Protein backbone atom coordinates (compact mmCIF):
# COMPACT_ATOMS: atom_id res chain seq x y z
CA UNK A 1 95.34 116.92 101.82
CA UNK A 2 93.37 115.76 98.79
CA UNK A 3 94.93 112.64 97.23
CA UNK A 4 94.00 110.79 94.03
CA UNK A 5 94.85 107.10 93.77
CA UNK A 6 94.90 105.83 90.18
CA UNK A 7 95.19 102.04 90.10
CA UNK A 8 93.54 99.47 87.84
CA UNK A 9 93.91 96.55 90.26
CA UNK A 10 90.92 96.73 92.59
CA UNK A 11 92.68 94.98 95.47
CA UNK A 12 95.64 97.37 95.38
CA UNK A 13 93.36 100.39 94.89
CA UNK A 14 91.23 99.43 97.92
CA UNK A 15 94.30 98.63 100.03
CA UNK A 16 95.82 102.03 99.32
CA UNK A 17 92.51 103.74 99.99
CA UNK A 18 92.08 101.98 103.34
CA UNK A 19 95.68 102.65 104.41
CA UNK A 20 95.53 106.34 103.56
CA UNK A 21 92.03 106.85 104.91
CA UNK A 22 93.31 106.09 108.41
CA UNK A 23 94.59 109.68 108.45
CA UNK A 24 91.79 112.23 108.97
CA UNK A 25 93.76 114.95 107.17
CA UNK A 26 93.75 112.92 103.93
CA UNK A 27 90.80 113.17 101.58
CA UNK A 28 91.30 110.12 99.36
CA UNK A 29 89.67 109.66 95.96
CA UNK A 30 90.20 106.53 93.88
CA UNK A 31 90.07 105.98 90.14
CA UNK A 32 90.30 102.72 88.21
CA UNK A 33 92.12 104.31 85.27
CA UNK A 34 93.78 107.56 84.22
CA UNK A 35 90.93 108.58 81.91
CA UNK A 36 88.45 108.53 84.80
CA UNK A 37 90.90 110.48 86.97
CA UNK A 38 91.45 113.15 84.30
CA UNK A 39 87.70 113.82 84.23
CA UNK A 40 87.65 114.57 87.98
CA UNK A 41 91.05 116.07 88.86
CA UNK A 42 91.01 119.76 89.70
CA UNK A 43 93.22 122.28 91.47
CA UNK A 44 92.19 121.03 94.90
CA UNK A 45 94.23 117.80 94.54
CA UNK A 46 97.72 117.98 96.03
CA UNK A 47 99.03 114.49 95.29
CA UNK A 48 98.53 111.74 92.73
CA UNK A 49 99.52 108.15 93.56
CA UNK A 50 99.46 106.16 90.33
CA UNK A 51 100.28 102.70 89.08
CA UNK A 52 102.62 102.67 86.10
CA UNK A 53 101.25 99.63 84.24
CA UNK A 54 97.60 100.10 83.32
CA UNK A 55 95.63 99.29 80.18
CA UNK A 56 94.65 102.10 77.84
CA UNK A 57 96.84 104.89 79.21
CA UNK A 58 99.80 103.86 81.36
CA UNK A 59 101.05 105.79 84.36
CA UNK A 60 103.79 107.67 82.51
CA UNK A 61 101.42 108.78 79.75
CA UNK A 62 99.11 109.92 82.54
CA UNK A 63 101.91 111.92 84.20
CA UNK A 64 102.75 113.55 80.85
CA UNK A 65 99.10 114.53 80.46
CA UNK A 66 99.13 116.13 83.93
CA UNK A 67 101.89 118.45 82.73
CA UNK A 68 103.63 118.89 86.09
CA UNK A 69 100.52 120.30 87.77
CA UNK A 70 100.57 117.81 90.67
CA UNK A 71 103.08 116.02 92.88
CA UNK A 72 103.17 112.38 91.77
CA UNK A 73 104.23 109.10 93.35
CA UNK A 74 104.46 106.17 90.92
CA UNK A 75 103.84 102.62 92.16
CA UNK A 76 105.19 99.70 90.18
CA UNK A 77 106.26 96.16 90.81
CA UNK A 78 108.25 95.83 87.60
CA UNK A 79 109.85 99.07 86.49
CA UNK A 80 112.76 99.09 84.08
CA UNK A 81 115.66 101.49 84.30
CA UNK A 82 114.36 103.25 81.19
CA UNK A 83 110.95 103.78 82.78
CA UNK A 84 112.54 104.99 86.02
CA UNK A 85 114.62 107.56 84.11
CA UNK A 86 111.58 108.66 82.12
CA UNK A 87 109.58 109.14 85.33
CA UNK A 88 112.37 111.30 86.81
CA UNK A 89 112.41 113.41 83.66
CA UNK A 90 108.65 113.89 84.03
CA UNK A 91 109.10 115.18 87.58
CA UNK A 92 107.85 112.15 89.49
CA UNK A 93 108.92 112.60 93.10
CA UNK A 94 109.03 108.96 94.17
CA UNK A 95 108.85 105.53 92.62
CA UNK A 96 108.14 102.50 94.77
CA UNK A 97 106.92 98.95 94.73
CA UNK A 98 103.44 98.20 96.08
CA UNK A 99 104.86 96.54 99.20
CA UNK A 100 106.27 99.91 100.32
CA UNK A 101 102.85 100.56 101.85
CA UNK A 102 103.71 98.29 104.74
CA UNK A 103 105.26 101.49 106.11
CA UNK A 104 102.80 104.12 107.34
CA UNK A 105 101.52 106.08 104.31
CA UNK A 106 102.45 109.36 105.94
CA UNK A 107 106.07 108.21 106.23
CA UNK A 108 106.14 107.41 102.51
CA UNK A 109 104.60 110.74 101.63
CA UNK A 110 107.16 112.53 103.81
CA UNK A 111 109.88 111.02 101.63
CA UNK A 112 108.35 112.74 98.63
CA UNK A 113 106.73 115.87 99.98
CA UNK A 114 108.54 117.01 103.14
CA UNK A 115 107.45 120.62 102.70
CA UNK A 116 103.74 119.85 103.07
CA UNK A 117 103.76 118.80 106.73
CA UNK A 118 106.12 118.28 109.67
CA UNK A 119 108.26 115.14 109.36
CA UNK A 120 106.88 111.81 110.40
CA UNK A 121 108.71 110.65 113.53
CA UNK A 122 111.42 108.11 112.81
CA UNK A 123 111.89 104.99 114.91
C-alpha cells in the first residue's frame, strides 16, 4: 500500500514514517507541505495521512484539492467541531490526535479502511 504522509512538523512526520515503515507492505512517502505532495501524488497512492494545521495550505484545503481521489486520515491536536464537520463533508474517513499512533498503525488504518486488508487482530 502506497501511503503519503503530509505533515509540516518534522518530528511528527519522521515519527509517522518510522511507525508505518515497520510494515513491509507499506510504501511510505513523506511531504513537508501539501504543495510538495500535490506535485508528486499520482494514482498509485492509496492513502493520505495529513495534518490539518499547516502554513500555506491547511489540511482541509488540501483535501478539497484532492477532490475525493484518495482515502484520507486527518491528524490534529486541536480540531474544532466546525473543522470536524467540514472534514466529514469532504469525505475524510478518520480524524485523530497525533497520540493515536501509540496504537499499531495498521490497527488505525483498519478503522478507516477495513476493505483494503483483513482486520488487525484485536486484543
